Amino acid sequence: MPTVSPDERSAERRLLDDEIAAEKYLPPLKVSPGATPEPAEAFLRRRRRRRRPQAFLGVVEKGLIRPVDPDVRLPENASVIIVTASSVE
């Protein structure tokens, strides 16, 4: 049986939670008639196999990390590893 505890949320948080709860539900997804249901894990497994991270040489300037090669064009949501040389003096 769940135990009851006092509501310790701030007034702002309670107001935000009430606003979120009052929002309309999203419409159901459009699925083709012949589609078979599958667990989310299967979708994530397929997605993970498609993309592998790419490594590029990069530099850090004023907290911004950028590739050294200006011709590098990355697709949106690309998995990238920027490799930099550490210089600890």
N, C-alpha and C. Protein backbone atom coordinates (compact mmCIF):
# COMPACT_ATOMS: atom_id res chain seq x y z
N MET A 1 0.84 -1.17 0.00
CA MET A 1 0.00 0.00 0.00
C MET A 1 0.89 1.24 0.00
N PRO A 2 0.62 2.22 -0.88
CA PRO A 2 1.47 3.40 -0.94
C PRO A 2 1.36 4.24 0.33
N THR A 3 2.47 4.85 0.68
CA THR A 3 2.47 5.73 1.85
C THR A 3 2.19 7.16 1.39
N VAL A 4 1.46 7.90 2.17
CA VAL A 4 1.12 9.28 1.84
C VAL A 4 2.18 10.19 2.44
N SER A 5 2.69 11.10 1.60
CA SER A 5 3.68 12.06 2.08
C SER A 5 3.19 13.46 1.74
N PRO A 6 3.63 14.47 2.47
CA PRO A 6 3.18 15.84 2.19
C PRO A 6 3.72 16.33 0.85
N ASP A 7 2.95 17.20 0.21
CA ASP A 7 3.34 17.79 -1.06
C ASP A 7 4.39 18.87 -0.80
N GLU A 8 5.62 18.63 -1.22
CA GLU A 8 6.71 19.56 -0.96
C GLU A 8 7.09 20.38 -2.18
N ARG A 9 6.22 20.36 -3.21
CA ARG A 9 6.52 21.15 -4.41
C ARG A 9 6.30 22.63 -4.13
N SER A 10 7.05 23.46 -4.86
CA SER A 10 6.86 24.90 -4.72
C SER A 10 5.56 25.30 -5.42
N ALA A 11 5.10 26.51 -5.14
CA ALA A 11 3.86 26.99 -5.77
C ALA A 11 4.02 27.08 -7.28
N GLU A 12 5.20 27.50 -7.75
CA GLU A 12 5.45 27.59 -9.19
C GLU A 12 5.40 26.21 -9.83
N ARG A 13 5.99 25.23 -9.14
CA ARG A 13 6.01 23.87 -9.69
C ARG A 13 4.60 23.29 -9.73
N ARG A 14 3.79 23.54 -8.69
CA ARG A 14 2.41 23.05 -8.68
C ARG A 14 1.62 23.65 -9.84
N LEU A 15 1.82 24.97 -10.09
CA LEU A 15 1.14 25.65 -11.19
C LEU A 15 1.56 25.05 -12.52
N LEU A 16 2.85 24.80 -12.71
CA LEU A 16 3.35 24.19 -13.94
C LEU A 16 2.78 22.79 -14.14
N ASP A 17 2.75 22.00 -13.08
CA ASP A 17 2.20 20.64 -13.17
C ASP A 17 0.71 20.69 -13.55
N ASP A 18 -0.03 21.65 -13.00
CA ASP A 18 -1.45 21.78 -13.35
C ASP A 18 -1.63 22.17 -14.81
N GLU A 19 -0.77 23.06 -15.32
CA GLU A 19 -0.84 23.47 -16.72
C GLU A 19 -0.55 22.29 -17.64
N ILE A 20 0.46 21.51 -17.30
CA ILE A 20 0.82 20.35 -18.12
C ILE A 20 -0.32 19.33 -18.11
N ALA A 21 -0.92 19.11 -16.96
CA ALA A 21 -2.01 18.14 -16.85
C ALA A 21 -3.25 18.60 -17.62
N ALA A 22 -3.43 19.91 -17.79
CA ALA A 22 -4.60 20.44 -18.48
C ALA A 22 -4.45 20.45 -20.00
N GLU A 23 -3.24 20.19 -20.52
CA GLU A 23 -3.03 20.21 -21.97
C GLU A 23 -3.80 19.08 -22.64
N LYS A 24 -4.16 19.30 -23.90
CA LYS A 24 -4.87 18.29 -24.67
C LYS A 24 -3.93 17.12 -24.96
N TYR A 25 -4.52 15.94 -25.07
CA TYR A 25 -3.74 14.77 -25.45
C TYR A 25 -3.32 14.86 -26.91
N LEU A 26 -2.20 14.29 -27.26
CA LEU A 26 -1.76 14.24 -28.64
C LEU A 26 -2.64 13.26 -29.41
N PRO A 27 -2.85 13.52 -30.71
CA PRO A 27 -3.66 12.57 -31.49
C PRO A 27 -2.90 11.25 -31.64
N PRO A 28 -3.62 10.14 -31.87
CA PRO A 28 -2.94 8.87 -32.05
C PRO A 28 -2.08 8.89 -33.31
N LEU A 29 -1.01 8.13 -33.30
CA LEU A 29 -0.11 8.06 -34.44
C LEU A 29 -0.79 7.40 -35.63
N LYS A 30 -0.42 7.85 -36.83
CA LYS A 30 -0.96 7.22 -38.03
C LYS A 30 -0.07 6.03 -38.37
N VAL A 31 -0.66 4.86 -38.33
CA VAL A 31 0.08 3.62 -38.60
C VAL A 31 -0.56 2.96 -39.80
N SER A 32 0.26 2.44 -40.70
CA SER A 32 -0.28 1.76 -41.86
C SER A 32 -1.04 0.51 -41.43
N PRO A 33 -2.09 0.14 -42.18
CA PRO A 33 -2.93 -0.98 -41.77
C PRO A 33 -2.18 -2.31 -41.64
N GLY A 34 -1.15 -2.54 -42.42
CA GLY A 34 -0.45 -3.82 -42.38
C GLY A 34 0.71 -3.86 -41.39
N ALA A 35 0.90 -2.82 -40.63
CA ALA A 35 2.04 -2.75 -39.71
C ALA A 35 1.84 -3.71 -38.54
N THR A 36 2.93 -4.38 -38.16
CA THR A 36 2.86 -5.27 -37.00
C THR A 36 3.53 -4.58 -35.82
N PRO A 37 2.96 -4.68 -34.64
CA PRO A 37 3.56 -4.02 -33.48
C PRO A 37 4.86 -4.70 -33.07
N GLU A 38 5.77 -3.90 -32.54
CA GLU A 38 7.03 -4.44 -32.05
C GLU A 38 7.46 -3.64 -30.83
N PRO A 39 8.26 -4.22 -29.94
CA PRO A 39 8.71 -3.48 -28.76
C PRO A 39 9.65 -2.35 -29.15
N ALA A 40 9.72 -1.33 -28.31
CA ALA A 40 10.61 -0.20 -28.57
C ALA A 40 12.07 -0.63 -28.62
N GLU A 41 12.41 -1.67 -27.88
CA GLU A 41 13.80 -2.15 -27.87
C GLU A 41 14.24 -2.58 -29.26
N ALA A 42 13.34 -3.20 -30.03
CA ALA A 42 13.69 -3.64 -31.39
C ALA A 42 13.98 -2.43 -32.27
N PHE A 43 13.19 -1.38 -32.15
CA PHE A 43 13.43 -0.16 -32.92
C PHE A 43 14.78 0.44 -32.56
N LEU A 44 15.08 0.52 -31.27
CA LEU A 44 16.34 1.11 -30.83
C LEU A 44 17.52 0.27 -31.27
N ARG A 45 17.37 -1.05 -31.27
CA ARG A 45 18.45 -1.94 -31.71
C ARG A 45 18.77 -1.70 -33.18
N ARG A 46 17.73 -1.56 -34.02
CA ARG A 46 17.95 -1.30 -35.45
C ARG A 46 18.62 0.05 -35.65
N ARG A 47 18.18 1.03 -34.91
CA ARG A 47 18.73 2.37 -35.06
C ARG A 47 20.20 2.40 -34.67
N ARG A 48 20.55 1.68 -33.61
CA ARG A 48 21.92 1.67 -33.14
C ARG A 48 22.86 1.07 -34.18
N ARG A 49 22.38 0.08 -34.93
CA ARG A 49 23.23 -0.56 -35.92
C ARG A 49 23.50 0.34 -37.12
N ARG A 50 22.56 1.23 -37.42
CA ARG A 50 22.72 2.05 -38.62
C ARG A 50 23.85 3.06 -38.50
N ARG A 51 23.97 3.66 -37.36
CA ARG A 51 24.95 4.74 -37.22
C ARG A 51 26.04 4.36 -36.24
N ARG A 52 27.24 4.57 -36.66
CA ARG A 52 28.38 4.39 -35.78
C ARG A 52 29.04 5.76 -35.64
N PRO A 53 29.58 6.07 -34.47
CA PRO A 53 30.19 7.39 -34.32
C PRO A 53 31.41 7.54 -35.22
N GLN A 54 31.60 8.74 -35.70
CA GLN A 54 32.76 9.06 -36.51
C GLN A 54 33.70 9.91 -35.66
N ALA A 55 35.00 9.71 -35.83
CA ALA A 55 35.98 10.48 -35.07
C ALA A 55 36.68 11.48 -35.99
N PHE A 56 36.83 12.71 -35.50
CA PHE A 56 37.50 13.76 -36.25
C PHE A 56 38.47 14.48 -35.34
N LEU A 57 39.55 14.99 -35.93
CA LEU A 57 40.50 15.81 -35.19
C LEU A 57 39.87 17.17 -34.98
N GLY A 58 39.95 17.69 -33.75
CA GLY A 58 39.32 18.97 -33.47
C GLY A 58 40.13 19.81 -32.51
N VAL A 59 39.69 21.03 -32.33
CA VAL A 59 40.32 21.96 -31.40
C VAL A 59 39.25 22.57 -30.51
N VAL A 60 39.69 23.04 -29.35
CA VAL A 60 38.79 23.72 -28.42
C VAL A 60 39.24 25.18 -28.37
N GLU A 61 38.32 26.08 -28.74
CA GLU A 61 38.61 27.51 -28.71
C GLU A 61 37.52 28.21 -27.90
N LYS A 62 37.90 28.79 -26.79
CA LYS A 62 36.97 29.53 -25.93
C LYS A 62 35.75 28.68 -25.56
N GLY A 63 35.98 27.41 -25.28
CA GLY A 63 34.91 26.52 -24.88
C GLY A 63 34.11 25.93 -26.03
N LEU A 64 34.39 26.31 -27.27
CA LEU A 64 33.69 25.78 -28.44
C LEU A 64 34.56 24.71 -29.08
N ILE A 65 33.98 23.56 -29.33
CA ILE A 65 34.71 22.46 -29.95
C ILE A 65 34.36 22.44 -31.43
N ARG A 66 35.38 22.43 -32.29
CA ARG A 66 35.11 22.39 -33.73
C ARG A 66 36.11 21.49 -34.42
N PRO A 67 35.71 20.87 -35.53
CA PRO A 67 36.65 20.05 -36.30
C PRO A 67 37.73 20.92 -36.93
N VAL A 68 38.93 20.37 -37.06
CA VAL A 68 40.04 21.10 -37.68
C VAL A 68 39.80 21.25 -39.18
N ASP A 69 39.32 20.19 -39.83
CA ASP A 69 39.10 20.20 -41.27
C ASP A 69 37.82 20.99 -41.58
N PRO A 70 37.91 22.11 -42.31
CA PRO A 70 36.72 22.91 -42.61
C PRO A 70 35.78 22.22 -43.59
N ASP A 71 36.26 21.19 -44.30
CA ASP A 71 35.42 20.50 -45.28
C ASP A 71 34.53 19.42 -44.67
N VAL A 72 34.64 19.20 -43.36
CA VAL A 72 33.82 18.18 -42.70
C VAL A 72 32.38 18.68 -42.63
N ARG A 73 31.46 17.91 -43.21
CA ARG A 73 30.03 18.22 -43.14
C ARG A 73 29.36 17.04 -42.45
N LEU A 74 28.66 17.34 -41.38
CA LEU A 74 28.03 16.29 -40.59
C LEU A 74 26.52 16.33 -40.76
N PRO A 75 25.90 15.16 -40.91
CA PRO A 75 24.44 15.15 -40.99
C PRO A 75 23.84 15.51 -39.63
N GLU A 76 22.59 15.94 -39.66
CA GLU A 76 21.91 16.29 -38.42
C GLU A 76 21.82 15.06 -37.52
N ASN A 77 22.01 15.26 -36.23
CA ASN A 77 21.97 14.19 -35.21
C ASN A 77 23.06 13.14 -35.44
N ALA A 78 24.20 13.54 -36.00
CA ALA A 78 25.29 12.60 -36.22
C ALA A 78 25.98 12.29 -34.90
N SER A 79 26.48 11.07 -34.80
CA SER A 79 27.27 10.68 -33.62
C SER A 79 28.74 10.95 -33.96
N VAL A 80 29.34 11.87 -33.22
CA VAL A 80 30.68 12.32 -33.54
C VAL A 80 31.55 12.30 -32.29
N ILE A 81 32.79 11.89 -32.47
CA ILE A 81 33.78 11.97 -31.41
C ILE A 81 34.85 12.93 -31.89
N ILE A 82 35.05 14.03 -31.17
CA ILE A 82 36.09 14.99 -31.52
C ILE A 82 37.32 14.65 -30.68
N VAL A 83 38.44 14.41 -31.35
CA VAL A 83 39.69 14.04 -30.68
C VAL A 83 40.56 15.28 -30.64
N THR A 84 40.99 15.66 -29.43
CA THR A 84 41.86 16.81 -29.27
C THR A 84 43.11 16.40 -28.50
N ALA A 85 44.15 17.17 -28.69
CA ALA A 85 45.38 16.93 -27.94
C ALA A 85 45.27 17.69 -26.64
N SER A 86 45.59 17.02 -25.53
CA SER A 86 45.54 17.73 -24.25
C SER A 86 46.89 18.34 -23.99
N SER A 87 46.89 19.60 -23.58
CA SER A 87 48.15 20.28 -23.28
C SER A 87 48.09 20.76 -21.84
N VAL A 88 48.61 19.95 -20.95
CA VAL A 88 48.64 20.29 -19.53
C VAL A 88 50.06 20.73 -19.22
N GLU A 89 50.19 21.94 -18.74
CA GLU A 89 51.53 22.46 -18.46
C GLU A 89 51.76 22.60 -16.99
